């Protein structure tokens, strides 16, 4: 089986055989690593490409620079990327810079985590979480019992 993976650097969509997902694949366009074990800061311009074109789940942290709980959770979210990649892409969306996106997804409080799969939202969690809680929460919604 081949998966579509969006490059975190140039945003090109790559085809990666499932068995090569964990072997450090590089982007065919920019030749940089498709997985960096860190969240990708994303703009409104590239958001839908990552949500719609990735065959892996995408976990988004909607945050703002002035938000204390967001700043507290940032290291935990970064560490969760180490554990969850390459089976999940982690994105960060600054709601101050992406106000239209935040309004579209009805982000009412921050930080808010939103989990997408197949271009659709499948779960959401508001409030700061620790690293293990982020990992556990995300994996719960990706279990076979949850489709």
C-alpha atoms as a PDB file:
ATOM      1  CA  UNK A   1       0.000   0.000   0.000  1.00  0.00           C
ATOM      2  CA  UNK A   2       1.208   3.493  -0.847  1.00  0.00           C
ATOM      3  CA  UNK A   3       0.522   6.509   1.382  1.00  0.00           C
ATOM      4  CA  UNK A   4       0.369  10.161   0.402  1.00  0.00           C
ATOM      5  CA  UNK A   5       2.526  12.280   2.715  1.00  0.00           C
ATOM      6  CA  UNK A   6       2.762  16.079   2.488  1.00  0.00           C
ATOM      7  CA  UNK A   7       6.266  17.492   2.889  1.00  0.00           C
ATOM      8  CA  UNK A   8       6.592  19.775   5.949  1.00  0.00           C
ATOM      9  CA  UNK A   9       9.096  21.950   4.040  1.00  0.00           C
ATOM     10  CA  UNK A  10       7.850  22.496   0.466  1.00  0.00           C
ATOM     11  CA  UNK A  11       4.287  21.124   0.922  1.00  0.00           C
ATOM     12  CA  UNK A  12       4.566  18.760  -2.054  1.00  0.00           C
ATOM     13  CA  UNK A  13       2.549  15.552  -1.812  1.00  0.00           C
ATOM     14  CA  UNK A  14       4.727  12.431  -1.918  1.00  0.00           C
ATOM     15  CA  UNK A  15       3.851   8.785  -2.460  1.00  0.00           C
ATOM     16  CA  UNK A  16       5.536   6.619   0.164  1.00  0.00           C
ATOM     17  CA  UNK A  17       5.179   2.826   0.326  1.00  0.00           C
ATOM     18  CA  UNK A  18       3.754   1.879   3.723  1.00  0.00           C
ATOM     19  CA  UNK A  19       6.769  -0.325   4.488  1.00  0.00           C
ATOM     20  CA  UNK A  20       9.112   2.677   3.963  1.00  0.00           C
ATOM     21  CA  UNK A  21       7.214   5.016   6.281  1.00  0.00           C
ATOM     22  CA  UNK A  22       9.506   4.321   9.244  1.00  0.00           C
ATOM     23  CA  UNK A  23      12.772   4.314   7.252  1.00  0.00           C
ATOM     24  CA  UNK A  24      13.241   8.090   7.033  1.00  0.00           C
ATOM     25  CA  UNK A  25      11.764   8.889   3.604  1.00  0.00           C
ATOM     26  CA  UNK A  26      12.700  12.133   1.863  1.00  0.00           C
ATOM     27  CA  UNK A  27      10.584  14.454  -0.254  1.00  0.00           C
ATOM     28  CA  UNK A  28      10.825  13.818  -3.979  1.00  0.00           C
ATOM     29  CA  UNK A  29      10.627  17.563  -4.694  1.00  0.00           C
ATOM     30  CA  UNK A  30      12.927  19.220  -2.132  1.00  0.00           C
ATOM     31  CA  UNK A  31      14.812  16.088  -0.970  1.00  0.00           C
ATOM     32  CA  UNK A  32      14.431  16.985   2.709  1.00  0.00           C
ATOM     33  CA  UNK A  33      13.128  14.619   5.389  1.00  0.00           C
ATOM     34  CA  UNK A  34       9.362  14.035   5.330  1.00  0.00           C
ATOM     35  CA  UNK A  35       9.417  13.528   9.105  1.00  0.00           C
ATOM     36  CA  UNK A  36      11.388  15.719  11.486  1.00  0.00           C
ATOM     37  CA  UNK A  37      10.049  14.464  14.849  1.00  0.00           C
ATOM     38  CA  UNK A  38       8.786  17.973  15.561  1.00  0.00           C
ATOM     39  CA  UNK A  39       5.548  19.883  14.955  1.00  0.00           C
ATOM     40  CA  UNK A  40       5.220  21.852  11.732  1.00  0.00           C
ATOM     41  CA  UNK A  41       4.164  25.492  12.057  1.00  0.00           C
ATOM     42  CA  UNK A  42       1.610  25.937   9.308  1.00  0.00           C
ATOM     43  CA  UNK A  43      -0.094  28.920   7.689  1.00  0.00           C
ATOM     44  CA  UNK A  44      -3.623  29.209   6.379  1.00  0.00           C
ATOM     45  CA  UNK A  45      -2.262  28.938   2.833  1.00  0.00           C
ATOM     46  CA  UNK A  46      -0.954  25.392   3.369  1.00  0.00           C
ATOM     47  CA  UNK A  47      -3.346  24.084   6.034  1.00  0.00           C
ATOM     48  CA  UNK A  48      -5.887  22.367   3.785  1.00  0.00           C
ATOM     49  CA  UNK A  49      -3.145  20.667   1.755  1.00  0.00           C
ATOM     50  CA  UNK A  50      -1.869  18.964   4.933  1.00  0.00           C
ATOM     51  CA  UNK A  51      -5.346  18.058   6.185  1.00  0.00           C
ATOM     52  CA  UNK A  52      -6.737  16.841   2.850  1.00  0.00           C
ATOM     53  CA  UNK A  53      -3.683  15.235   1.219  1.00  0.00           C
ATOM     54  CA  UNK A  54      -2.036  13.322   4.077  1.00  0.00           C
ATOM     55  CA  UNK A  55      -3.047   9.680   4.350  1.00  0.00           C
ATOM     56  CA  UNK A  56      -1.797   9.679   7.938  1.00  0.00           C
ATOM     57  CA  UNK A  57      -3.712  11.357  10.750  1.00  0.00           C
ATOM     58  CA  UNK A  58      -2.965  15.031  11.423  1.00  0.00           C
ATOM     59  CA  UNK A  59      -3.031  16.462  14.950  1.00  0.00           C
ATOM     60  CA  UNK A  60      -3.329  20.260  15.069  1.00  0.00           C
ATOM     61  CA  UNK A  61      -2.522  22.494  18.041  1.00  0.00           C
ATOM     62  CA  UNK A  62      -4.466  25.758  17.735  1.00  0.00           C
ATOM     63  CA  UNK A  63      -2.587  28.213  19.978  1.00  0.00           C
ATOM     64  CA  UNK A  64      -1.583  31.877  20.395  1.00  0.00           C
ATOM     65  CA  UNK A  65       1.692  33.457  21.554  1.00  0.00           C
ATOM     66  CA  UNK A  66       0.010  35.415  24.381  1.00  0.00           C
ATOM     67  CA  UNK A  67      -1.608  32.275  25.869  1.00  0.00           C
ATOM     68  CA  UNK A  68       0.156  30.989  29.007  1.00  0.00           C
ATOM     69  CA  UNK A  69      -1.300  27.451  28.872  1.00  0.00           C
ATOM     70  CA  UNK A  70      -0.346  27.273  25.169  1.00  0.00           C
ATOM     71  CA  UNK A  71       3.263  28.144  25.992  1.00  0.00           C
ATOM     72  CA  UNK A  72       3.225  25.594  28.837  1.00  0.00           C
ATOM     73  CA  UNK A  73       1.934  22.851  26.529  1.00  0.00           C
ATOM     74  CA  UNK A  74       4.310  23.619  23.628  1.00  0.00           C
ATOM     75  CA  UNK A  75       7.216  21.438  24.874  1.00  0.00           C
ATOM     76  CA  UNK A  76       4.828  18.544  25.575  1.00  0.00           C
ATOM     77  CA  UNK A  77       3.353  18.835  22.071  1.00  0.00           C
ATOM     78  CA  UNK A  78       6.868  18.916  20.583  1.00  0.00           C
ATOM     79  CA  UNK A  79       7.844  15.795  22.538  1.00  0.00           C
ATOM     80  CA  UNK A  80       4.628  14.050  21.469  1.00  0.00           C
ATOM     81  CA  UNK A  81       5.741  14.496  17.852  1.00  0.00           C
ATOM     82  CA  UNK A  82       8.782  12.339  18.572  1.00  0.00           C
ATOM     83  CA  UNK A  83       6.505   9.515  19.714  1.00  0.00           C
ATOM     84  CA  UNK A  84       3.667   9.897  17.205  1.00  0.00           C
ATOM     85  CA  UNK A  85       5.603  10.390  13.958  1.00  0.00           C
ATOM     86  CA  UNK A  86       5.673   8.942  11.324  1.00  0.00           C
ATOM     87  CA  UNK A  87       2.160   7.580  11.835  1.00  0.00           C
ATOM     88  CA  UNK A  88       0.762  11.032  12.560  1.00  0.00           C
ATOM     89  CA  UNK A  89       1.712  14.560  11.460  1.00  0.00           C
ATOM     90  CA  UNK A  90       1.625  17.276  14.157  1.00  0.00           C
ATOM     91  CA  UNK A  91       0.858  20.846  13.093  1.00  0.00           C
ATOM     92  CA  UNK A  92       0.774  24.126  14.999  1.00  0.00           C
ATOM     93  CA  UNK A  93      -1.588  26.920  13.946  1.00  0.00           C
ATOM     94  CA  UNK A  94      -1.112  30.365  15.468  1.00  0.00           C
ATOM     95  CA  UNK A  95      -4.688  31.633  15.808  1.00  0.00           C
ATOM     96  CA  UNK A  96      -3.484  35.252  15.816  1.00  0.00           C
ATOM     97  CA  UNK A  97      -2.019  34.808  12.332  1.00  0.00           C
ATOM     98  CA  UNK A  98      -4.724  32.431  11.087  1.00  0.00           C
ATOM     99  CA  UNK A  99      -7.908  34.023  12.410  1.00  0.00           C
ATOM    100  CA  UNK A 100     -10.024  32.893   9.448  1.00  0.00           C
ATOM    101  CA  UNK A 101      -8.927  29.295   9.994  1.00  0.00           C
ATOM    102  CA  UNK A 102      -9.639  29.507  13.725  1.00  0.00           C
ATOM    103  CA  UNK A 103     -13.102  30.903  12.988  1.00  0.00           C
ATOM    104  CA  UNK A 104     -13.795  28.207  10.385  1.00  0.00           C
ATOM    105  CA  UNK A 105     -13.010  25.464  12.915  1.00  0.00           C
ATOM    106  CA  UNK A 106     -14.862  27.338  15.675  1.00  0.00           C
ATOM    107  CA  UNK A 107     -11.888  27.493  18.013  1.00  0.00           C
ATOM    108  CA  UNK A 108     -13.414  29.026  21.145  1.00  0.00           C
ATOM    109  CA  UNK A 109     -10.574  28.461  23.621  1.00  0.00           C
ATOM    110  CA  UNK A 110      -6.896  27.749  23.334  1.00  0.00           C
ATOM    111  CA  UNK A 111      -4.992  25.605  23.341  1.00  0.00           C
ATOM    112  CA  UNK A 112      -7.280  23.307  21.382  1.00  0.00           C
ATOM    113  CA  UNK A 113      -6.115  20.068  19.797  1.00  0.00           C
ATOM    114  CA  UNK A 114      -8.019  18.870  16.738  1.00  0.00           C
ATOM    115  CA  UNK A 115      -7.374  15.461  15.203  1.00  0.00           C
ATOM    116  CA  UNK A 116      -8.061  14.948  11.491  1.00  0.00           C
ATOM    117  CA  UNK A 117      -8.092  11.803   9.396  1.00  0.00           C
ATOM    118  CA  UNK A 118      -9.043  11.587   5.738  1.00  0.00           C
ATOM    119  CA  UNK A 119      -9.680  15.337   5.635  1.00  0.00           C
ATOM    120  CA  UNK A 120     -12.292  15.178   8.419  1.00  0.00           C
ATOM    121  CA  UNK A 121     -12.187  16.194  12.058  1.00  0.00           C
ATOM    122  CA  UNK A 122     -12.502  13.087  14.228  1.00  0.00           C
ATOM    123  CA  UNK A 123     -11.788  14.495  17.709  1.00  0.00           C
ATOM    124  CA  UNK A 124     -11.082  17.681  19.621  1.00  0.00           C
ATOM    125  CA  UNK A 125      -9.744  18.526  23.080  1.00  0.00           C
ATOM    126  CA  UNK A 126      -9.480  21.973  24.684  1.00  0.00           C
ATOM    127  CA  UNK A 127      -7.040  22.804  27.462  1.00  0.00           C
ATOM    128  CA  UNK A 128      -3.370  22.140  28.055  1.00  0.00           C
ATOM    129  CA  UNK A 129      -2.231  18.521  28.254  1.00  0.00           C
ATOM    130  CA  UNK A 130       1.055  16.860  29.168  1.00  0.00           C
ATOM    131  CA  UNK A 131       3.058  14.822  26.671  1.00  0.00           C
ATOM    132  CA  UNK A 132       1.740  11.406  27.719  1.00  0.00           C
ATOM    133  CA  UNK A 133      -1.834  12.700  27.796  1.00  0.00           C
ATOM    134  CA  UNK A 134      -1.487  14.070  24.252  1.00  0.00           C
ATOM    135  CA  UNK A 135      -0.079  10.764  22.989  1.00  0.00           C
ATOM    136  CA  UNK A 136      -2.700   8.680  24.804  1.00  0.00           C
ATOM    137  CA  UNK A 137      -5.566  10.920  23.660  1.00  0.00           C
ATOM    138  CA  UNK A 138      -4.451  10.899  20.006  1.00  0.00           C
ATOM    139  CA  UNK A 139      -3.868   7.149  19.934  1.00  0.00           C
ATOM    140  CA  UNK A 140      -7.281   6.484  21.519  1.00  0.00           C
ATOM    141  CA  UNK A 141      -9.020   8.037  18.540  1.00  0.00           C
ATOM    142  CA  UNK A 142      -6.875   6.118  16.083  1.00  0.00           C
ATOM    143  CA  UNK A 143      -7.653   2.690  17.486  1.00  0.00           C
ATOM    144  CA  UNK A 144      -9.405   0.250  15.103  1.00  0.00           C
ATOM    145  CA  UNK A 145     -12.567   0.452  17.228  1.00  0.00           C
ATOM    146  CA  UNK A 146     -12.876   4.151  16.291  1.00  0.00           C
ATOM    147  CA  UNK A 147     -12.713   3.562  12.556  1.00  0.00           C
END
